[in-house]
Structures are given as C-alpha cells and as structure tokens.
PDB file of N, CA and C in Angstrom:
ATOM      1  N   MET A   1       0.858  -1.179   0.000  1.00  0.00           N
ATOM      2  CA  MET A   1       0.000   0.000   0.000  1.00  0.00           C
ATOM      3  C   MET A   1       0.902   1.240   0.000  1.00  0.00           C
ATOM      4  N   GLN A   2       0.509   2.232  -0.779  1.00  0.00           N
ATOM      5  CA  GLN A   2       1.290   3.467  -0.791  1.00  0.00           C
ATOM      6  C   GLN A   2       1.172   4.165   0.569  1.00  0.00           C
ATOM      7  N   ARG A   3       2.243   4.865   0.920  1.00  0.00           N
ATOM      8  CA  ARG A   3       2.319   5.492   2.245  1.00  0.00           C
ATOM      9  C   ARG A   3       2.840   6.914   2.109  1.00  0.00           C
ATOM     10  N   LEU A   4       2.353   7.772   2.983  1.00  0.00           N
ATOM     11  CA  LEU A   4       2.843   9.144   3.086  1.00  0.00           C
ATOM     12  C   LEU A   4       3.020   9.469   4.557  1.00  0.00           C
ATOM     13  N   GLU A   5       4.105  10.122   4.864  1.00  0.00           N
ATOM     14  CA  GLU A   5       4.326  10.580   6.223  1.00  0.00           C
ATOM     15  C   GLU A   5       3.703  11.961   6.386  1.00  0.00           C
ATOM     16  N   VAL A   6       3.129  12.213   7.546  1.00  0.00           N
ATOM     17  CA  VAL A   6       2.548  13.519   7.850  1.00  0.00           C
ATOM     18  C   VAL A   6       3.042  13.951   9.226  1.00  0.00           C
ATOM     19  N   VAL A   7       3.270  15.254   9.381  1.00  0.00           N
ATOM     20  CA  VAL A   7       3.802  15.765  10.647  1.00  0.00           C
ATOM     21  C   VAL A   7       2.789  15.550  11.773  1.00  0.00           C
ATOM     22  N   PRO A   8       3.300  15.359  12.995  1.00  0.00           N
ATOM     23  CA  PRO A   8       2.412  15.070  14.128  1.00  0.00           C
ATOM     24  C   PRO A   8       1.308  16.105  14.342  1.00  0.00           C
ATOM     25  N   ARG A   9       1.578  17.390  14.116  1.00  0.00           N
ATOM     26  CA  ARG A   9       0.541  18.414  14.377  1.00  0.00           C
ATOM     27  C   ARG A   9      -0.629  18.298  13.413  1.00  0.00           C
ATOM     28  N   LEU A  10      -0.416  17.710  12.227  1.00  0.00           N
ATOM     29  CA  LEU A  10      -1.508  17.566  11.256  1.00  0.00           C
ATOM     30  C   LEU A  10      -2.186  16.204  11.313  1.00  0.00           C
ATOM     31  N   PHE A  11      -1.528  15.236  11.947  1.00  0.00           N
ATOM     32  CA  PHE A  11      -2.090  13.881  11.946  1.00  0.00           C
ATOM     33  C   PHE A  11      -3.500  13.807  12.542  1.00  0.00           C
ATOM     34  N   PRO A  12      -3.798  14.484  13.656  1.00  0.00           N
ATOM     35  CA  PRO A  12      -5.175  14.434  14.187  1.00  0.00           C
ATOM     36  C   PRO A  12      -6.219  14.952  13.188  1.00  0.00           C
ATOM     37  N   LEU A  13      -5.846  15.909  12.358  1.00  0.00           N
ATOM     38  CA  LEU A  13      -6.783  16.431  11.356  1.00  0.00           C
ATOM     39  C   LEU A  13      -7.079  15.397  10.275  1.00  0.00           C
ATOM     40  N   VAL A  14      -6.097  14.567   9.968  1.00  0.00           N
ATOM     41  CA  VAL A  14      -6.333  13.454   9.040  1.00  0.00           C
ATOM     42  C   VAL A  14      -7.241  12.433   9.712  1.00  0.00           C
ATOM     43  N   GLU A  15      -6.922  12.075  10.947  1.00  0.00           N
ATOM     44  CA  GLU A  15      -7.696  11.066  11.679  1.00  0.00           C
ATOM     45  C   GLU A  15      -9.169  11.435  11.791  1.00  0.00           C
ATOM     46  N   ASN A  16      -9.454  12.708  12.103  1.00  0.00           N
ATOM     47  CA  ASN A  16     -10.853  13.087  12.328  1.00  0.00           C
ATOM     48  C   ASN A  16     -11.571  13.506  11.046  1.00  0.00           C
ATOM     49  N   GLY A  17     -10.868  13.511   9.915  1.00  0.00           N
ATOM     50  CA  GLY A  17     -11.503  13.812   8.634  1.00  0.00           C
ATOM     51  C   GLY A  17     -11.510  15.265   8.244  1.00  0.00           C
ATOM     52  N   ASP A  18     -10.916  16.131   9.058  1.00  0.00           N
ATOM     53  CA  ASP A  18     -10.873  17.549   8.700  1.00  0.00           C
ATOM     54  C   ASP A  18      -9.872  17.828   7.580  1.00  0.00           C
ATOM     55  N   LYS A  19      -8.818  17.042   7.507  1.00  0.00           N
ATOM     56  CA  LYS A  19      -7.808  17.203   6.450  1.00  0.00           C
ATOM     57  C   LYS A  19      -8.087  16.151   5.379  1.00  0.00           C
ATOM     58  N   ARG A  20      -8.506  16.636   4.204  1.00  0.00           N
ATOM     59  CA  ARG A  20      -8.884  15.723   3.113  1.00  0.00           C
ATOM     60  C   ARG A  20      -8.009  15.896   1.879  1.00  0.00           C
ATOM     61  N   SER A  21      -6.904  16.597   2.063  1.00  0.00           N
ATOM     62  CA  SER A  21      -5.958  16.749   0.961  1.00  0.00           C
ATOM     63  C   SER A  21      -4.583  17.024   1.550  1.00  0.00           C
ATOM     64  N   THR A  22      -3.580  16.826   0.715  1.00  0.00           N
ATOM     65  CA  THR A  22      -2.215  17.145   1.094  1.00  0.00           C
ATOM     66  C   THR A  22      -1.482  17.619  -0.147  1.00  0.00           C
ATOM     67  N   ILE A  23      -0.497  18.457   0.060  1.00  0.00           N
ATOM     68  CA  ILE A  23       0.275  19.023  -1.045  1.00  0.00           C
ATOM     69  C   ILE A  23       1.698  18.503  -0.912  1.00  0.00           C
ATOM     70  N   ARG A  24       2.206  17.899  -1.987  1.00  0.00           N
ATOM     71  CA  ARG A  24       3.526  17.287  -1.966  1.00  0.00           C
ATOM     72  C   ARG A  24       4.388  17.819  -3.094  1.00  0.00           C
ATOM     73  N   TRP A  25       5.690  17.885  -2.841  1.00  0.00           N
ATOM     74  CA  TRP A  25       6.651  18.393  -3.825  1.00  0.00           C
ATOM     75  C   TRP A  25       7.835  17.453  -3.898  1.00  0.00           C
ATOM     76  N   ARG A  26       8.149  17.036  -5.102  1.00  0.00           N
ATOM     77  CA  ARG A  26       9.325  16.186  -5.353  1.00  0.00           C
ATOM     78  C   ARG A  26       9.355  14.941  -4.486  1.00  0.00           C
ATOM     79  N   GLU A  27       8.216  14.302  -4.374  1.00  0.00           N
ATOM     80  CA  GLU A  27       8.122  13.045  -3.640  1.00  0.00           C
ATOM     81  C   GLU A  27       7.641  11.971  -4.606  1.00  0.00           C
ATOM     82  N   PRO A  28       7.799  10.700  -4.232  1.00  0.00           N
ATOM     83  CA  PRO A  28       7.312   9.640  -5.129  1.00  0.00           C
ATOM     84  C   PRO A  28       5.835   9.853  -5.461  1.00  0.00           C
ATOM     85  N   PRO A  29       5.446   9.551  -6.697  1.00  0.00           N
ATOM     86  CA  PRO A  29       4.057   9.783  -7.089  1.00  0.00           C
ATOM     87  C   PRO A  29       3.071   8.931  -6.295  1.00  0.00           C
ATOM     88  N   ILE A  30       1.913   9.494  -6.095  1.00  0.00           N
ATOM     89  CA  ILE A  30       0.782   8.814  -5.460  1.00  0.00           C
ATOM     90  C   ILE A  30      -0.263   8.606  -6.551  1.00  0.00           C
ATOM     91  N   VAL A  31      -0.993   7.496  -6.471  1.00  0.00           N
ATOM     92  CA  VAL A  31      -2.033   7.200  -7.453  1.00  0.00           C
ATOM     93  C   VAL A  31      -3.355   6.991  -6.718  1.00  0.00           C
ATOM     94  N   PRO A  32      -4.488   7.114  -7.409  1.00  0.00           N
ATOM     95  CA  PRO A  32      -5.772   6.837  -6.757  1.00  0.00           C
ATOM     96  C   PRO A  32      -5.794   5.424  -6.175  1.00  0.00           C
ATOM     97  N   GLY A  33      -6.437   5.311  -5.037  1.00  0.00           N
ATOM     98  CA  GLY A  33      -6.534   4.027  -4.339  1.00  0.00           C
ATOM     99  C   GLY A  33      -6.212   4.216  -2.870  1.00  0.00           C
ATOM    100  N   TYR A  34      -6.020   3.104  -2.176  1.00  0.00           N
ATOM    101  CA  TYR A  34      -5.724   3.164  -0.754  1.00  0.00           C
ATOM    102  C   TYR A  34      -4.343   3.768  -0.505  1.00  0.00           C
ATOM    103  N   MET A  35      -4.272   4.574   0.543  1.00  0.00           N
ATOM    104  CA  MET A  35      -3.011   5.167   0.967  1.00  0.00           C
ATOM    105  C   MET A  35      -2.994   5.201   2.496  1.00  0.00           C
ATOM    106  N   CYS A  36      -1.857   4.888   3.050  1.00  0.00           N
ATOM    107  CA  CYS A  36      -1.688   4.897   4.494  1.00  0.00           C
ATOM    108  C   CYS A  36      -0.891   6.132   4.889  1.00  0.00           C
ATOM    109  N   TYR A  37      -1.485   6.972   5.722  1.00  0.00           N
ATOM    110  CA  TYR A  37      -0.754   8.080   6.332  1.00  0.00           C
ATOM    111  C   TYR A  37      -0.047   7.530   7.561  1.00  0.00           C
ATOM    112  N   VAL A  38       1.208   7.917   7.724  1.00  0.00           N
ATOM    113  CA  VAL A  38       2.007   7.520   8.876  1.00  0.00           C
ATOM    114  C   VAL A  38       2.399   8.795   9.614  1.00  0.00           C
ATOM    115  N   CYS A  39       2.198   8.794  10.915  1.00  0.00           N
ATOM    116  CA  CYS A  39       2.555   9.959  11.728  1.00  0.00           C
ATOM    117  C   CYS A  39       4.074  10.009  11.886  1.00  0.00           C
ATOM    118  N   ALA A  40       4.673  11.098  11.452  1.00  0.00           N
ATOM    119  CA  ALA A  40       6.129  11.269  11.578  1.00  0.00           C
ATOM    120  C   ALA A  40       6.514  11.190  13.048  1.00  0.00           C
ATOM    121  N   GLY A  41       7.523  10.415  13.343  1.00  0.00           N
ATOM    122  CA  GLY A  41       7.979  10.278  14.721  1.00  0.00           C
ATOM    123  C   GLY A  41       7.256   9.209  15.513  1.00  0.00           C
ATOM    124  N   ASP A  42       6.136   8.693  14.995  1.00  0.00           N
ATOM    125  CA  ASP A  42       5.379   7.628  15.662  1.00  0.00           C
ATOM    126  C   ASP A  42       4.824   6.694  14.589  1.00  0.00           C
ATOM    127  N   PRO A  43       5.689   5.862  13.989  1.00  0.00           N
ATOM    128  CA  PRO A  43       5.277   5.045  12.849  1.00  0.00           C
ATOM    129  C   PRO A  43       4.191   4.015  13.155  1.00  0.00           C
ATOM    130  N   ASP A  44       3.892   3.780  14.433  1.00  0.00           N
ATOM    131  CA  ASP A  44       2.796   2.871  14.767  1.00  0.00           C
ATOM    132  C   ASP A  44       1.435   3.555  14.637  1.00  0.00           C
ATOM    133  N   ARG A  45       1.455   4.869  14.516  1.00  0.00           N
ATOM    134  CA  ARG A  45       0.217   5.641  14.386  1.00  0.00           C
ATOM    135  C   ARG A  45      -0.056   5.850  12.896  1.00  0.00           C
ATOM    136  N   THR A  46      -1.074   5.173  12.394  1.00  0.00           N
ATOM    137  CA  THR A  46      -1.382   5.213  10.966  1.00  0.00           C
ATOM    138  C   THR A  46      -2.887   5.353  10.761  1.00  0.00           C
ATOM    139  N   VAL A  47      -3.239   5.791   9.580  1.00  0.00           N
ATOM    140  CA  VAL A  47      -4.642   5.845   9.180  1.00  0.00           C
ATOM    141  C   VAL A  47      -4.697   5.647   7.667  1.00  0.00           C
ATOM    142  N   VAL A  48      -5.696   4.904   7.213  1.00  0.00           N
ATOM    143  CA  VAL A  48      -5.844   4.611   5.792  1.00  0.00           C
ATOM    144  C   VAL A  48      -6.942   5.479   5.212  1.00  0.00           C
ATOM    145  N   VAL A  49      -6.653   6.047   4.030  1.00  0.00           N
ATOM    146  CA  VAL A  49      -7.634   6.856   3.290  1.00  0.00           C
ATOM    147  C   VAL A  49      -7.685   6.354   1.852  1.00  0.00           C
ATOM    148  N   TRP A  50      -8.741   6.721   1.145  1.00  0.00           N
ATOM    149  CA  TRP A  50      -8.891   6.402  -0.270  1.00  0.00           C
ATOM    150  C   TRP A  50      -8.591   7.661  -1.080  1.00  0.00           C
ATOM    151  N   VAL A  51      -7.520   7.626  -1.856  1.00  0.00           N
ATOM    152  CA  VAL A  51      -7.135   8.751  -2.701  1.00  0.00           C
ATOM    153  C   VAL A  51      -8.072   8.795  -3.898  1.00  0.00           C
ATOM    154  N   THR A  52      -8.725   9.935  -4.082  1.00  0.00           N
ATOM    155  CA  THR A  52      -9.700  10.086  -5.163  1.00  0.00           C
ATOM    156  C   THR A  52      -9.140  10.792  -6.385  1.00  0.00           C
ATOM    157  N   ARG A  53      -8.170  11.696  -6.155  1.00  0.00           N
ATOM    158  CA  ARG A  53      -7.664  12.486  -7.283  1.00  0.00           C
ATOM    159  C   ARG A  53      -6.308  13.071  -6.932  1.00  0.00           C
ATOM    160  N   ILE A  54      -5.455  13.147  -7.948  1.00  0.00           N
ATOM    161  CA  ILE A  54      -4.157  13.791  -7.836  1.00  0.00           C
ATOM    162  C   ILE A  54      -4.075  14.817  -8.953  1.00  0.00           C
ATOM    163  N   THR A  55      -3.772  16.051  -8.601  1.00  0.00           N
ATOM    164  CA  THR A  55      -3.706  17.131  -9.580  1.00  0.00           C
ATOM    165  C   THR A  55      -2.381  17.852  -9.429  1.00  0.00           C
ATOM    166  N   SER A  56      -1.680  18.025 -10.547  1.00  0.00           N
ATOM    167  CA  SER A  56      -0.422  18.771 -10.539  1.00  0.00           C
ATOM    168  C   SER A  56      -0.697  20.213 -10.926  1.00  0.00           C
ATOM    169  N   MET A  57      -0.008  21.131 -10.224  1.00  0.00           N
ATOM    170  CA  MET A  57      -0.192  22.564 -10.483  1.00  0.00           C
ATOM    171  C   MET A  57       0.925  23.335  -9.807  1.00  0.00           C
ATOM    172  N   PRO A  58       1.117  24.605 -10.186  1.00  0.00           N
ATOM    173  CA  PRO A  58       2.067  25.442  -9.446  1.00  0.00           C
ATOM    174  C   PRO A  58       1.577  25.640  -8.008  1.00  0.00           C
ATOM    175  N   LEU A  59       2.501  25.688  -7.088  1.00  0.00           N
ATOM    176  CA  LEU A  59       2.144  25.892  -5.685  1.00  0.00           C
ATOM    177  C   LEU A  59       1.250  27.106  -5.517  1.00  0.00           C
ATOM    178  N   ARG A  60       1.471  28.180  -6.268  1.00  0.00           N
ATOM    179  CA  ARG A  60       0.682  29.405  -6.101  1.00  0.00           C
ATOM    180  C   ARG A  60      -0.814  29.177  -6.356  1.00  0.00           C
ATOM    181  N   ASN A  61      -1.180  28.107  -7.048  1.00  0.00           N
ATOM    182  CA  ASN A  61      -2.587  27.824  -7.343  1.00  0.00           C
ATOM    183  C   ASN A  61      -3.224  26.837  -6.374  1.00  0.00           C
ATOM    184  N   ALA A  62      -2.423  26.192  -5.540  1.00  0.00           N
ATOM    185  CA  ALA A  62      -2.924  25.096  -4.710  1.00  0.00           C
ATOM    186  C   ALA A  62      -3.918  25.542  -3.641  1.00  0.00           C
ATOM    187  N   ALA A  63      -3.703  26.675  -2.996  1.00  0.00           N
ATOM    188  CA  ALA A  63      -4.621  27.124  -1.940  1.00  0.00           C
ATOM    189  C   ALA A  63      -6.024  27.353  -2.500  1.00  0.00           C
ATOM    190  N   ALA A  64      -6.119  28.005  -3.646  1.00  0.00           N
ATOM    191  CA  ALA A  64      -7.432  28.234  -4.254  1.00  0.00           C
ATOM    192  C   ALA A  64      -8.062  26.911  -4.672  1.00  0.00           C
ATOM    193  N   PHE A  65      -7.251  25.994  -5.175  1.00  0.00           N
ATOM    194  CA  PHE A  65      -7.752  24.698  -5.625  1.00  0.00           C
ATOM    195  C   PHE A  65      -8.440  23.934  -4.502  1.00  0.00           C
ATOM    196  N   VAL A  66      -7.880  24.004  -3.294  1.00  0.00           N
ATOM    197  CA  VAL A  66      -8.471  23.290  -2.157  1.00  0.00           C
ATOM    198  C   VAL A  66      -9.395  24.182  -1.327  1.00  0.00           C
ATOM    199  N   GLY A  67      -9.716  25.381  -1.831  1.00  0.00           N
ATOM    200  CA  GLY A  67     -10.668  26.265  -1.162  1.00  0.00           C
ATOM    201  C   GLY A  67     -10.142  26.946   0.081  1.00  0.00           C
ATOM    202  N   ARG A  68      -8.832  27.184   0.160  1.00  0.00           N
ATOM    203  CA  ARG A  68      -8.246  27.784   1.359  1.00  0.00           C
ATOM    204  C   ARG A  68      -7.497  29.070   1.049  1.00  0.00           C
ATOM    205  N   GLN A  69      -7.818  29.719  -0.078  1.00  0.00           N
ATOM    206  CA  GLN A  69      -7.084  30.911  -0.501  1.00  0.00           C
ATOM    207  C   GLN A  69      -7.154  32.039   0.519  1.00  0.00           C
ATOM    208  N   ASP A  70      -8.253  32.165   1.255  1.00  0.00           N
ATOM    209  CA  ASP A  70      -8.346  33.228   2.264  1.00  0.00           C
ATOM    210  C   ASP A  70      -7.400  32.973   3.442  1.00  0.00           C
ATOM    211  N   GLU A  71      -7.254  31.704   3.835  1.00  0.00           N
ATOM    212  CA  GLU A  71      -6.365  31.327   4.937  1.00  0.00           C
ATOM    213  C   GLU A  71      -4.907  31.284   4.523  1.00  0.00           C
ATOM    214  N   TRP A  72      -4.667  30.946   3.257  1.00  0.00           N
ATOM    215  CA  TRP A  72      -3.306  30.712   2.779  1.00  0.00           C
ATOM    216  C   TRP A  72      -2.942  31.637   1.623  1.00  0.00           C
ATOM    217  N   PRO A  73      -2.835  32.953   1.848  1.00  0.00           N
ATOM    218  CA  PRO A  73      -2.301  33.799   0.769  1.00  0.00           C
ATOM    219  C   PRO A  73      -0.894  33.312   0.427  1.00  0.00           C
ATOM    220  N   ASP A  74      -0.386  33.755  -0.708  1.00  0.00           N
ATOM    221  CA  ASP A  74       0.871  33.213  -1.228  1.00  0.00           C
ATOM    222  C   ASP A  74       1.983  33.112  -0.190  1.00  0.00           C
ATOM    223  N   GLN A  75       2.236  34.164   0.555  1.00  0.00           N
ATOM    224  CA  GLN A  75       3.369  34.140   1.484  1.00  0.00           C
ATOM    225  C   GLN A  75       3.133  33.201   2.669  1.00  0.00           C
ATOM    226  N   VAL A  76       1.889  33.052   3.095  1.00  0.00           N
ATOM    227  CA  VAL A  76       1.568  32.100   4.162  1.00  0.00           C
ATOM    228  C   VAL A  76       1.748  30.675   3.641  1.00  0.00           C
ATOM    229  N   MET A  77       1.237  30.422   2.435  1.00  0.00           N
ATOM    230  CA  MET A  77       1.394  29.100   1.818  1.00  0.00           C
ATOM    231  C   MET A  77       2.867  28.765   1.660  1.00  0.00           C
ATOM    232  N   LEU A  78       3.642  29.708   1.143  1.00  0.00           N
ATOM    233  CA  LEU A  78       5.063  29.466   0.916  1.00  0.00           C
ATOM    234  C   LEU A  78       5.791  29.192   2.229  1.00  0.00           C
ATOM    235  N   ALA A  79       5.521  29.971   3.246  1.00  0.00           N
ATOM    236  CA  ALA A  79       6.172  29.760   4.550  1.00  0.00           C
ATOM    237  C   ALA A  79       5.821  28.392   5.123  1.00  0.00           C
ATOM    238  N   GLY A  80       4.568  28.001   5.026  1.00  0.00           N
ATOM    239  CA  GLY A  80       4.142  26.692   5.532  1.00  0.00           C
ATOM    240  C   GLY A  80       4.787  25.546   4.778  1.00  0.00           C
ATOM    241  N   MET A  81       4.842  25.648   3.467  1.00  0.00           N
ATOM    242  CA  MET A  81       5.452  24.589   2.663  1.00  0.00           C
ATOM    243  C   MET A  81       6.960  24.521   2.895  1.00  0.00           C
ATOM    244  N   ARG A  82       7.590  25.651   3.156  1.00  0.00           N
ATOM    245  CA  ARG A  82       9.036  25.652   3.387  1.00  0.00           C
ATOM    246  C   ARG A  82       9.422  24.995   4.708  1.00  0.00           C
ATOM    247  N   GLU A  83       8.452  24.810   5.617  1.00  0.00           N
ATOM    248  CA  GLU A  83       8.742  24.036   6.827  1.00  0.00           C
ATOM    249  C   GLU A  83       9.121  22.606   6.451  1.00  0.00           C
ATOM    250  N   HIS A  84       8.528  22.107   5.389  1.00  0.00           N
ATOM    251  CA  HIS A  84       8.756  20.725   4.948  1.00  0.00           C
ATOM    252  C   HIS A  84       9.714  20.643   3.764  1.00  0.00           C
ATOM    253  N   TYR A  85       9.662  21.659   2.916  1.00  0.00           N
ATOM    254  CA  TYR A  85      10.445  21.686   1.677  1.00  0.00           C
ATOM    255  C   TYR A  85      11.145  23.047   1.581  1.00  0.00           C
ATOM    256  N   PRO A  86      12.301  23.209   2.226  1.00  0.00           N
ATOM    257  CA  PRO A  86      12.949  24.529   2.302  1.00  0.00           C
ATOM    258  C   PRO A  86      13.200  25.212   0.964  1.00  0.00           C
ATOM    259  N   GLY A  87      13.425  24.463  -0.098  1.00  0.00           N
ATOM    260  CA  GLY A  87      13.754  25.070  -1.379  1.00  0.00           C
ATOM    261  C   GLY A  87      12.585  25.371  -2.285  1.00  0.00           C
ATOM    262  N   ILE A  88      11.370  25.126  -1.844  1.00  0.00           N
ATOM    263  CA  ILE A  88      10.204  25.285  -2.710  1.00  0.00           C
ATOM    264  C   ILE A  88       9.929  26.763  -3.012  1.00  0.00           C
ATOM    265  N   GLU A  89       9.415  27.016  -4.217  1.00  0.00           N
ATOM    266  CA  GLU A  89       9.019  28.359  -4.652  1.00  0.00           C
ATOM    267  C   GLU A  89       7.573  28.317  -5.140  1.00  0.00           C
ATOM    268  N   LEU A  90       6.935  29.459  -5.221  1.00  0.00           N
ATOM    269  CA  LEU A  90       5.522  29.522  -5.619  1.00  0.00           C
ATOM    270  C   LEU A  90       5.272  28.981  -7.028  1.00  0.00           C
ATOM    271  N   ASP A  91       6.257  29.056  -7.902  1.00  0.00           N
ATOM    272  CA  ASP A  91       6.064  28.567  -9.263  1.00  0.00           C
ATOM    273  C   ASP A  91       6.400  27.081  -9.430  1.00  0.00           C
ATOM    274  N   ASP A  92       6.865  26.425  -8.371  1.00  0.00           N
ATOM    275  CA  ASP A  92       7.186  25.002  -8.463  1.00  0.00           C
ATOM    276  C   ASP A  92       5.905  24.175  -8.570  1.00  0.00           C
ATOM    277  N   GLU A  93       5.976  23.120  -9.377  1.00  0.00           N
ATOM    278  CA  GLU A  93       4.824  22.238  -9.540  1.00  0.00           C
ATOM    279  C   GLU A  93       4.734  21.285  -8.357  1.00  0.00           C
ATOM    280  N   VAL A  94       3.538  21.207  -7.793  1.00  0.00           N
ATOM    281  CA  VAL A  94       3.260  20.319  -6.661  1.00  0.00           C
ATOM    282  C   VAL A  94       2.153  19.352  -7.054  1.00  0.00           C
ATOM    283  N   GLN A  95       2.013  18.310  -6.258  1.00  0.00           N
ATOM    284  CA  GLN A  95       0.890  17.385  -6.382  1.00  0.00           C
ATOM    285  C   GLN A  95      -0.103  17.705  -5.272  1.00  0.00           C
ATOM    286  N   VAL A  96      -1.355  17.932  -5.648  1.00  0.00           N
ATOM    287  CA  VAL A  96      -2.420  18.047  -4.658  1.00  0.00           C
ATOM    288  C   VAL A  96      -3.129  16.699  -4.645  1.00  0.00           C
ATOM    289  N   ILE A  97      -3.056  16.033  -3.504  1.00  0.00           N
ATOM    290  CA  ILE A  97      -3.613  14.699  -3.343  1.00  0.00           C
ATOM    291  C   ILE A  97      -4.895  14.832  -2.522  1.00  0.00           C
ATOM    292  N   GLU A  98      -6.018  14.472  -3.124  1.00  0.00           N
ATOM    293  CA  GLU A  98      -7.311  14.552  -2.438  1.00  0.00           C
ATOM    294  C   GLU A  98      -7.762  13.145  -2.058  1.00  0.00           C
ATOM    295  N   HIS A  99      -8.424  13.039  -0.904  1.00  0.00           N
ATOM    296  CA  HIS A  99      -8.830  11.715  -0.425  1.00  0.00           C
ATOM    297  C   HIS A  99     -10.101  11.787   0.419  1.00  0.00           C
ATOM    298  N   LEU A 100     -10.717  10.626   0.579  1.00  0.00           N
ATOM    299  CA  LEU A 100     -11.869  10.494   1.468  1.00  0.00           C
ATOM    300  C   LEU A 100     -11.400  10.560   2.916  1.00  0.00           C
ATOM    301  N   THR A 101     -12.328  10.772   3.817  1.00  0.00           N
ATOM    302  CA  THR A 101     -12.005  10.715   5.241  1.00  0.00           C
ATOM    303  C   THR A 101     -11.731   9.256   5.624  1.00  0.00           C
ATOM    304  N   PRO A 102     -11.073   9.025   6.755  1.00  0.00           N
ATOM    305  CA  PRO A 102     -10.895   7.636   7.193  1.00  0.00           C
ATOM    306  C   PRO A 102     -12.222   6.898   7.371  1.00  0.00           C
ATOM    307  N   ALA A 103     -13.233   7.573   7.898  1.00  0.00           N
ATOM    308  CA  ALA A 103     -14.539   6.922   8.079  1.00  0.00           C
ATOM    309  C   ALA A 103     -15.157   6.548   6.731  1.00  0.00           C
ATOM    310  N   GLU A 104     -15.091   7.444   5.760  1.00  0.00           N
ATOM    311  CA  GLU A 104     -15.610   7.138   4.420  1.00  0.00           C
ATOM    312  C   GLU A 104     -14.823   5.996   3.789  1.00  0.00           C
ATOM    313  N   THR A 105     -13.532   5.981   4.039  1.00  0.00           N
ATOM    314  CA  THR A 105     -12.670   4.927   3.490  1.00  0.00           C
ATOM    315  C   THR A 105     -13.022   3.575   4.096  1.00  0.00           C
ATOM    316  N   ARG A 106     -13.214   3.523   5.415  1.00  0.00           N
ATOM    317  CA  ARG A 106     -13.571   2.255   6.070  1.00  0.00           C
ATOM    318  C   ARG A 106     -14.893   1.711   5.559  1.00  0.00           C
ATOM    319  N   ALA A 107     -15.779   2.590   5.107  1.00  0.00           N
ATOM    320  CA  ALA A 107     -17.093   2.161   4.612  1.00  0.00           C
ATOM    321  C   ALA A 107     -17.040   1.614   3.181  1.00  0.00           C
ATOM    322  N   ARG A 108     -15.913   1.789   2.506  1.00  0.00           N
ATOM    323  CA  ARG A 108     -15.788   1.289   1.130  1.00  0.00           C
ATOM    324  C   ARG A 108     -15.749  -0.237   1.118  1.00  0.00           C
ATOM    325  N   PRO A 109     -16.398  -0.848   0.124  1.00  0.00           N
ATOM    326  CA  PRO A 109     -16.271  -2.309  -0.007  1.00  0.00           C
ATOM    327  C   PRO A 109     -14.814  -2.678  -0.268  1.00  0.00           C
ATOM    328  N   GLY A 110     -14.364  -3.738   0.356  1.00  0.00           N
ATOM    329  CA  GLY A 110     -12.998  -4.199   0.146  1.00  0.00           C
ATOM    330  C   GLY A 110     -11.958  -3.500   0.983  1.00  0.00           C
ATOM    331  N   PHE A 111     -12.385  -2.749   2.006  1.00  0.00           N
ATOM    332  CA  PHE A 111     -11.413  -2.072   2.880  1.00  0.00           C
ATOM    333  C   PHE A 111     -10.415  -3.099   3.407  1.00  0.00           C
ATOM    334  N   PRO A 112      -9.110  -2.815   3.329  1.00  0.00           N
ATOM    335  CA  PRO A 112      -8.105  -3.824   3.699  1.00  0.00           C
ATOM    336  C   PRO A 112      -8.077  -4.123   5.201  1.00  0.00           C
ATOM    337  N   ALA A 113      -7.803  -5.366   5.495  1.00  0.00           N
ATOM    338  CA  ALA A 113      -7.624  -5.776   6.892  1.00  0.00           C
ATOM    339  C   ALA A 113      -6.360  -5.131   7.441  1.00  0.00           C
ATOM    340  N   ALA A 114      -6.270  -5.015   8.753  1.00  0.00           N
ATOM    341  CA  ALA A 114      -5.118  -4.358   9.376  1.00  0.00           C
ATOM    342  C   ALA A 114      -3.802  -4.991   8.941  1.00  0.00           C
ATOM    343  N   ASP A 115      -3.769  -6.289   8.736  1.00  0.00           N
ATOM    344  CA  ASP A 115      -2.531  -6.958   8.325  1.00  0.00           C
ATOM    345  C   ASP A 115      -2.111  -6.601   6.914  1.00  0.00           C
ATOM    346  N   ASP A 116      -3.027  -6.082   6.101  1.00  0.00           N
ATOM    347  CA  ASP A 116      -2.737  -5.732   4.722  1.00  0.00           C
ATOM    348  C   ASP A 116      -2.214  -4.304   4.583  1.00  0.00           C
ATOM    349  N   ARG A 117      -2.176  -3.558   5.677  1.00  0.00           N
ATOM    350  CA  ARG A 117      -1.760  -2.164   5.598  1.00  0.00           C
ATOM    351  C   ARG A 117      -0.317  -2.084   5.840  1.00  0.00           C
TER     352      ARG A 117
END
C-alpha cells in the first residue's frame, strides 16, 4: 500500500476527517486508491484513506484549488510549505492529493484488513 508521512501536528486532522488533501513536492508519485498516512515520529500511528484524485499545479494555485485561498495567501502558503520543503518556490509544480475521510474509506467495499496495511 502506498504510504505518506505527515507531521504530528496535522495527523489528528487526518484522523478526524478535517484534512482531506495534502500538497507534496518532489516526492514519489501517489495514485488513486488506498493510501496509508504515517505519523512522523510515531510510525505505529497510521490511518488509511482512499485517494480520489491527484492534480499537478504550481504551488501558487494550490490554496485556491483546495478552497483555502483566504487562509493561505501566497506568502503564508510558501512559509508553511518551506517548513517541509525549504527550497520550494511559488512557481514550483506540486501534487495536490485529495482523499476520502478515514470513516468514508472504512465504509468502502474491500477495505483492507489491518494486516494488509
């Protein structure tokens, strides 16, 4: 199963379904299907989501794409992304990965058993 690490401060938002997308730069590609989020620093803490769509775009367009342009003006977005990717610029192409909530994912037919994750 594909896996992505997420920082501890954001992991609860993934768990409770408030975070339904993530923005990645220069990381291995993600494809639609099951994906396991792993909490950075606590690899036993995981949650599975169903990736619905991956869209590539310049970082400067990502906040509007996910409906957060008011919260994340360009300089706020850039500062936040540089916490994870120090060399990133607003014109760099990123992947916006959208997914179902963990609860929606568990309700899907064929949800994998814990041993399959």
